[in-house]
Amino acid sequence: MYRRAFLAVAASLSVSGCLEYFTEDAEEITEPADVEIVWDDLVRDDPGTEDERVYVWGVVRNAGERTLSYVELRVTFFDDEGEELESVIENVEENVAEGEEWPFDAEFPHFGEEAAEVDSYELEPATGV
């Protein structure tokens, strides 16, 4: 019922105001270069069935010089013609010390035939705080 009003208010807020919150509270948005992808792979469960699912599994490292309390990784899934199917964000909301590694997985949000269309992916660090 109040969804449209909420969306209108949310859309009117500027992103820069959100980022200022982090810098005013002595936290900084880090460069994606502070997060290094150590290893990643596309995994397929139950191929050829209506339960087929696809996800990217990997390990990333804090390559910066301080502890990160929040990290986002963006995974974009593509079909065999290179067309984008879906993009998802996976996040880590725990403290990750300098040089520390942690595992992650980011699942394609559809199953069965739609998951079978996934041929490749692109993985990139999006944000670290």
C-alpha atoms as a PDB file:
ATOM      1  CA  MET A   1       0.000   0.000   0.000  1.00  0.00           C
ATOM      2  CA  TYR A   2       2.789   2.443   0.901  1.00  0.00           C
ATOM      3  CA  ARG A   3       5.220   0.873  -1.535  1.00  0.00           C
ATOM      4  CA  ARG A   4       4.978   3.618  -4.186  1.00  0.00           C
ATOM      5  CA  ALA A   5       5.488   6.360  -1.619  1.00  0.00           C
ATOM      6  CA  PHE A   6       8.502   4.529  -0.243  1.00  0.00           C
ATOM      7  CA  LEU A   7       9.965   4.016  -3.708  1.00  0.00           C
ATOM      8  CA  ALA A   8       9.476   7.692  -4.562  1.00  0.00           C
ATOM      9  CA  VAL A   9      11.287   8.774  -1.397  1.00  0.00           C
ATOM     10  CA  ALA A  10      14.040   6.211  -1.887  1.00  0.00           C
ATOM     11  CA  ALA A  11      14.580   7.312  -5.487  1.00  0.00           C
ATOM     12  CA  SER A  12      14.813  10.944  -4.465  1.00  0.00           C
ATOM     13  CA  LEU A  13      17.708  10.323  -2.062  1.00  0.00           C
ATOM     14  CA  SER A  14      21.070  10.912  -3.650  1.00  0.00           C
ATOM     15  CA  VAL A  15      23.733   8.251  -3.679  1.00  0.00           C
ATOM     16  CA  SER A  16      26.343  10.783  -2.653  1.00  0.00           C
ATOM     17  CA  GLY A  17      24.458  11.337   0.590  1.00  0.00           C
ATOM     18  CA  CYS A  18      24.678   7.621   1.296  1.00  0.00           C
ATOM     19  CA  LEU A  19      28.419   7.593   0.670  1.00  0.00           C
ATOM     20  CA  GLU A  20      28.912  10.602   2.931  1.00  0.00           C
ATOM     21  CA  TYR A  21      27.511   8.536   5.795  1.00  0.00           C
ATOM     22  CA  PHE A  22      30.478   6.191   5.596  1.00  0.00           C
ATOM     23  CA  THR A  23      33.107   8.912   5.428  1.00  0.00           C
ATOM     24  CA  GLU A  24      31.527  10.934   8.271  1.00  0.00           C
ATOM     25  CA  ASP A  25      31.615   7.870  10.530  1.00  0.00           C
ATOM     26  CA  ALA A  26      35.346   7.359   9.836  1.00  0.00           C
ATOM     27  CA  GLU A  27      34.750   4.488   7.411  1.00  0.00           C
ATOM     28  CA  GLU A  28      35.741   4.722   3.778  1.00  0.00           C
ATOM     29  CA  ILE A  29      34.501   3.146   0.616  1.00  0.00           C
ATOM     30  CA  THR A  30      37.583   1.345  -0.683  1.00  0.00           C
ATOM     31  CA  GLU A  31      38.663   0.874  -4.245  1.00  0.00           C
ATOM     32  CA  PRO A  32      37.670  -2.494  -5.700  1.00  0.00           C
ATOM     33  CA  ALA A  33      41.419  -3.102  -6.135  1.00  0.00           C
ATOM     34  CA  ASP A  34      41.556  -3.681  -2.354  1.00  0.00           C
ATOM     35  CA  VAL A  35      39.646  -6.930  -2.968  1.00  0.00           C
ATOM     36  CA  GLU A  36      41.537  -9.519  -5.011  1.00  0.00           C
ATOM     37  CA  ILE A  37      39.942 -12.578  -6.610  1.00  0.00           C
ATOM     38  CA  VAL A  38      42.180 -15.541  -5.785  1.00  0.00           C
ATOM     39  CA  TRP A  39      40.190 -18.314  -7.444  1.00  0.00           C
ATOM     40  CA  ASP A  40      36.747 -18.782  -9.036  1.00  0.00           C
ATOM     41  CA  ASP A  41      34.815 -21.382 -11.019  1.00  0.00           C
ATOM     42  CA  LEU A  42      31.358 -21.957 -12.514  1.00  0.00           C
ATOM     43  CA  VAL A  43      29.575 -24.878 -10.809  1.00  0.00           C
ATOM     44  CA  ARG A  44      26.533 -26.714 -12.165  1.00  0.00           C
ATOM     45  CA  ASP A  45      24.325 -28.977  -9.991  1.00  0.00           C
ATOM     46  CA  ASP A  46      21.745 -31.421 -11.410  1.00  0.00           C
ATOM     47  CA  PRO A  47      22.467 -30.598 -15.092  1.00  0.00           C
ATOM     48  CA  GLY A  48      19.722 -31.370 -17.584  1.00  0.00           C
ATOM     49  CA  THR A  49      16.941 -31.459 -14.978  1.00  0.00           C
ATOM     50  CA  GLU A  50      14.325 -28.955 -13.852  1.00  0.00           C
ATOM     51  CA  ASP A  51      16.373 -28.642 -10.632  1.00  0.00           C
ATOM     52  CA  GLU A  52      19.545 -27.566 -12.455  1.00  0.00           C
ATOM     53  CA  ARG A  53      21.227 -24.681 -10.693  1.00  0.00           C
ATOM     54  CA  VAL A  54      24.350 -22.701 -11.496  1.00  0.00           C
ATOM     55  CA  TYR A  55      26.594 -20.703  -9.220  1.00  0.00           C
ATOM     56  CA  VAL A  56      30.055 -19.182  -9.058  1.00  0.00           C
ATOM     57  CA  TRP A  57      32.210 -20.460  -6.255  1.00  0.00           C
ATOM     58  CA  GLY A  58      35.501 -18.863  -5.332  1.00  0.00           C
ATOM     59  CA  VAL A  59      37.912 -17.278  -2.890  1.00  0.00           C
ATOM     60  CA  VAL A  60      38.740 -13.585  -2.515  1.00  0.00           C
ATOM     61  CA  ARG A  61      41.402 -11.785  -0.487  1.00  0.00           C
ATOM     62  CA  ASN A  62      41.588  -8.438   1.291  1.00  0.00           C
ATOM     63  CA  ALA A  63      44.544  -6.921  -0.573  1.00  0.00           C
ATOM     64  CA  GLY A  64      44.244  -3.576   1.213  1.00  0.00           C
ATOM     65  CA  GLU A  65      45.989  -2.249   4.281  1.00  0.00           C
ATOM     66  CA  ARG A  66      43.033  -2.292   6.687  1.00  0.00           C
ATOM     67  CA  THR A  67      40.234  -4.553   7.895  1.00  0.00           C
ATOM     68  CA  LEU A  68      37.123  -4.519   5.709  1.00  0.00           C
ATOM     69  CA  SER A  69      33.714  -4.826   7.373  1.00  0.00           C
ATOM     70  CA  TYR A  70      31.618  -5.179   4.206  1.00  0.00           C
ATOM     71  CA  VAL A  71      32.518  -6.346   0.686  1.00  0.00           C
ATOM     72  CA  GLU A  72      30.360  -6.685  -2.449  1.00  0.00           C
ATOM     73  CA  LEU A  73      31.157  -8.914  -5.422  1.00  0.00           C
ATOM     74  CA  ARG A  74      29.189  -8.588  -8.670  1.00  0.00           C
ATOM     75  CA  VAL A  75      28.659 -11.657 -10.860  1.00  0.00           C
ATOM     76  CA  THR A  76      27.179 -11.253 -14.338  1.00  0.00           C
ATOM     77  CA  PHE A  77      25.993 -14.428 -16.081  1.00  0.00           C
ATOM     78  CA  PHE A  78      26.040 -14.764 -19.899  1.00  0.00           C
ATOM     79  CA  ASP A  79      24.613 -17.216 -22.437  1.00  0.00           C
ATOM     80  CA  ASP A  80      26.682 -18.888 -25.179  1.00  0.00           C
ATOM     81  CA  GLU A  81      26.198 -15.852 -27.466  1.00  0.00           C
ATOM     82  CA  GLY A  82      27.575 -13.452 -24.859  1.00  0.00           C
ATOM     83  CA  GLU A  83      24.186 -11.950 -23.997  1.00  0.00           C
ATOM     84  CA  GLU A  84      23.738 -10.952 -20.366  1.00  0.00           C
ATOM     85  CA  LEU A  85      21.205 -13.137 -18.575  1.00  0.00           C
ATOM     86  CA  GLU A  86      21.373 -11.802 -15.019  1.00  0.00           C
ATOM     87  CA  SER A  87      23.625  -9.908 -12.647  1.00  0.00           C
ATOM     88  CA  VAL A  88      23.762 -10.625  -8.911  1.00  0.00           C
ATOM     89  CA  ILE A  89      25.579  -9.124  -5.942  1.00  0.00           C
ATOM     90  CA  GLU A  90      27.079 -11.333  -3.243  1.00  0.00           C
ATOM     91  CA  ASN A  91      28.295  -9.694  -0.069  1.00  0.00           C
ATOM     92  CA  VAL A  92      30.453 -10.460   2.944  1.00  0.00           C
ATOM     93  CA  GLU A  93      29.323  -8.688   6.092  1.00  0.00           C
ATOM     94  CA  GLU A  94      32.013  -9.835   8.475  1.00  0.00           C
ATOM     95  CA  ASN A  95      35.367  -8.316   9.324  1.00  0.00           C
ATOM     96  CA  VAL A  96      38.065  -9.414   6.899  1.00  0.00           C
ATOM     97  CA  ALA A  97      41.572  -8.529   8.070  1.00  0.00           C
ATOM     98  CA  GLU A  98      44.405  -7.383   5.813  1.00  0.00           C
ATOM     99  CA  GLY A  99      45.654 -10.326   3.726  1.00  0.00           C
ATOM    100  CA  GLU A 100      42.806 -12.611   4.861  1.00  0.00           C
ATOM    101  CA  GLU A 101      40.958 -14.812   2.353  1.00  0.00           C
ATOM    102  CA  TRP A 102      37.356 -15.973   2.458  1.00  0.00           C
ATOM    103  CA  PRO A 103      35.193 -18.249   0.296  1.00  0.00           C
ATOM    104  CA  PHE A 104      32.006 -17.115  -1.436  1.00  0.00           C
ATOM    105  CA  ASP A 105      29.346 -18.396  -3.777  1.00  0.00           C
ATOM    106  CA  ALA A 106      26.929 -16.402  -5.923  1.00  0.00           C
ATOM    107  CA  GLU A 107      23.969 -18.276  -7.336  1.00  0.00           C
ATOM    108  CA  PHE A 108      22.192 -17.637 -10.618  1.00  0.00           C
ATOM    109  CA  PRO A 109      18.633 -16.802  -9.482  1.00  0.00           C
ATOM    110  CA  HIS A 110      16.795 -19.210 -11.838  1.00  0.00           C
ATOM    111  CA  PHE A 111      16.632 -23.012 -12.092  1.00  0.00           C
ATOM    112  CA  GLY A 112      16.104 -25.627 -14.797  1.00  0.00           C
ATOM    113  CA  GLU A 113      16.127 -24.525 -18.424  1.00  0.00           C
ATOM    114  CA  GLU A 114      17.052 -20.933 -17.564  1.00  0.00           C
ATOM    115  CA  ALA A 115      20.058 -22.117 -15.543  1.00  0.00           C
ATOM    116  CA  ALA A 116      21.072 -24.404 -18.425  1.00  0.00           C
ATOM    117  CA  GLU A 117      21.452 -21.303 -20.641  1.00  0.00           C
ATOM    118  CA  VAL A 118      24.359 -19.999 -18.515  1.00  0.00           C
ATOM    119  CA  ASP A 119      27.590 -20.464 -20.436  1.00  0.00           C
ATOM    120  CA  SER A 120      30.010 -18.016 -18.815  1.00  0.00           C
ATOM    121  CA  TYR A 121      30.274 -15.275 -16.207  1.00  0.00           C
ATOM    122  CA  GLU A 122      32.161 -12.148 -15.245  1.00  0.00           C
ATOM    123  CA  LEU A 123      33.191 -11.609 -11.626  1.00  0.00           C
ATOM    124  CA  GLU A 124      34.301  -8.275 -10.223  1.00  0.00           C
ATOM    125  CA  PRO A 125      34.723  -6.703  -6.800  1.00  0.00           C
ATOM    126  CA  ALA A 126      32.190  -3.886  -6.478  1.00  0.00           C
ATOM    127  CA  THR A 127      32.710  -2.229  -3.084  1.00  0.00           C
ATOM    128  CA  GLY A 128      34.564  -2.608   0.190  1.00  0.00           C
ATOM    129  CA  VAL A 129      33.942  -0.730   3.442  1.00  0.00           C
END
